[in-house]
Amino acid sequence: MSVYKVAKAVMAQGVEQALAEGYDEQAFARAMMTEVIAVYRRARSMDDIASELKFQADNLDEDEEYAFMRP
């Protein structure tokens, strides 16, 4: 299983658990983003994290091509 499939499965399980405990999906996603950033901070600089988040924000439209594609 790819790491992306693992992450998708973990997210689905987490959303299900959050809903069962009375939290909404958006609140859970926000909490997960906080935890992802905490993991990034263990090994990455603040500038690197900011660059990663900016890249993701700049490429939210799934129908658009990425601003940068690796060869």
C-alpha atoms as a PDB file:
ATOM      1  CA  MET A   1       0.000   0.000   0.000  1.00  0.00           C
ATOM      2  CA  SER A   2       1.345   3.448  -0.859  1.00  0.00           C
ATOM      3  CA  VAL A   3       1.948   6.004   1.871  1.00  0.00           C
ATOM      4  CA  TYR A   4      -0.822   8.142   0.340  1.00  0.00           C
ATOM      5  CA  LYS A   5      -3.312   5.282   0.669  1.00  0.00           C
ATOM      6  CA  VAL A   6      -2.218   4.795   4.283  1.00  0.00           C
ATOM      7  CA  ALA A   7      -2.762   8.509   4.975  1.00  0.00           C
ATOM      8  CA  LYS A   8      -6.177   8.431   3.281  1.00  0.00           C
ATOM      9  CA  ALA A   9      -7.242   5.429   5.368  1.00  0.00           C
ATOM     10  CA  VAL A  10      -6.005   7.047   8.592  1.00  0.00           C
ATOM     11  CA  MET A  11      -7.883  10.239   7.736  1.00  0.00           C
ATOM     12  CA  ALA A  12     -11.110   8.340   6.998  1.00  0.00           C
ATOM     13  CA  GLN A  13     -10.828   6.453  10.287  1.00  0.00           C
ATOM     14  CA  GLY A  14     -10.091   9.688  12.156  1.00  0.00           C
ATOM     15  CA  VAL A  15     -13.062  11.497  10.613  1.00  0.00           C
ATOM     16  CA  GLU A  16     -15.319   8.588  11.557  1.00  0.00           C
ATOM     17  CA  GLN A  17     -14.058   8.649  15.147  1.00  0.00           C
ATOM     18  CA  ALA A  18     -14.317  12.449  15.409  1.00  0.00           C
ATOM     19  CA  LEU A  19     -17.917  12.368  14.139  1.00  0.00           C
ATOM     20  CA  ALA A  20     -18.774   9.623  16.636  1.00  0.00           C
ATOM     21  CA  GLU A  21     -17.416  11.838  19.407  1.00  0.00           C
ATOM     22  CA  GLY A  22     -19.430  14.857  18.273  1.00  0.00           C
ATOM     23  CA  TYR A  23     -16.795  16.793  16.315  1.00  0.00           C
ATOM     24  CA  ASP A  24     -17.282  17.855  12.726  1.00  0.00           C
ATOM     25  CA  GLU A  25     -15.053  16.931   9.814  1.00  0.00           C
ATOM     26  CA  GLN A  26     -13.615  20.441   9.426  1.00  0.00           C
ATOM     27  CA  ALA A  27     -12.606  20.642  13.102  1.00  0.00           C
ATOM     28  CA  PHE A  28     -10.898  17.267  12.781  1.00  0.00           C
ATOM     29  CA  ALA A  29      -9.070  18.324   9.611  1.00  0.00           C
ATOM     30  CA  ARG A  30      -7.831  21.493  11.336  1.00  0.00           C
ATOM     31  CA  ALA A  31      -6.568  19.436  14.291  1.00  0.00           C
ATOM     32  CA  MET A  32      -4.819  17.009  11.929  1.00  0.00           C
ATOM     33  CA  MET A  33      -3.132  19.879  10.110  1.00  0.00           C
ATOM     34  CA  THR A  34      -1.792  21.080  13.469  1.00  0.00           C
ATOM     35  CA  GLU A  35      -0.396  17.607  14.127  1.00  0.00           C
ATOM     36  CA  VAL A  36       1.136  17.354  10.645  1.00  0.00           C
ATOM     37  CA  ILE A  37       2.907  20.670  11.169  1.00  0.00           C
ATOM     38  CA  ALA A  38       4.187  19.435  14.546  1.00  0.00           C
ATOM     39  CA  VAL A  39       5.716  16.415  12.778  1.00  0.00           C
ATOM     40  CA  TYR A  40       7.255  18.675  10.101  1.00  0.00           C
ATOM     41  CA  ARG A  41       8.805  20.865  12.816  1.00  0.00           C
ATOM     42  CA  ARG A  42      10.835  17.915  14.107  1.00  0.00           C
ATOM     43  CA  ALA A  43      12.971  17.817  10.964  1.00  0.00           C
ATOM     44  CA  ARG A  44      12.236  20.864   8.800  1.00  0.00           C
ATOM     45  CA  SER A  45      12.863  24.593   9.029  1.00  0.00           C
ATOM     46  CA  MET A  46      10.001  27.046   9.389  1.00  0.00           C
ATOM     47  CA  ASP A  47      10.768  28.417   5.909  1.00  0.00           C
ATOM     48  CA  ASP A  48      10.644  24.922   4.426  1.00  0.00           C
ATOM     49  CA  ILE A  49       7.291  24.224   6.098  1.00  0.00           C
ATOM     50  CA  ALA A  50       5.916  27.569   4.929  1.00  0.00           C
ATOM     51  CA  SER A  51       7.080  26.797   1.387  1.00  0.00           C
ATOM     52  CA  GLU A  52       5.354  23.381   1.486  1.00  0.00           C
ATOM     53  CA  LEU A  53       2.101  24.922   2.731  1.00  0.00           C
ATOM     54  CA  LYS A  54       2.261  27.711   0.123  1.00  0.00           C
ATOM     55  CA  PHE A  55       2.800  25.146  -2.643  1.00  0.00           C
ATOM     56  CA  GLN A  56      -0.236  23.184  -1.450  1.00  0.00           C
ATOM     57  CA  ALA A  57      -2.349  26.366  -1.236  1.00  0.00           C
ATOM     58  CA  ASP A  58      -1.237  27.506  -4.695  1.00  0.00           C
ATOM     59  CA  ASN A  59      -2.294  24.156  -6.156  1.00  0.00           C
ATOM     60  CA  LEU A  60      -5.714  23.576  -4.574  1.00  0.00           C
ATOM     61  CA  ASP A  61      -7.518  23.380  -7.930  1.00  0.00           C
ATOM     62  CA  GLU A  62      -7.348  19.716  -8.964  1.00  0.00           C
ATOM     63  CA  ASP A  63      -8.150  20.640 -12.578  1.00  0.00           C
ATOM     64  CA  GLU A  64      -5.148  22.964 -12.924  1.00  0.00           C
ATOM     65  CA  GLU A  65      -1.645  21.748 -13.647  1.00  0.00           C
ATOM     66  CA  TYR A  66       0.871  22.242 -10.849  1.00  0.00           C
ATOM     67  CA  ALA A  67       2.850  25.460 -11.027  1.00  0.00           C
ATOM     68  CA  PHE A  68       5.979  23.262 -10.890  1.00  0.00           C
ATOM     69  CA  MET A  69       6.236  19.720 -12.130  1.00  0.00           C
ATOM     70  CA  ARG A  70       9.294  17.559 -11.604  1.00  0.00           C
ATOM     71  CA  PRO A  71      10.625  15.961 -14.783  1.00  0.00           C
END
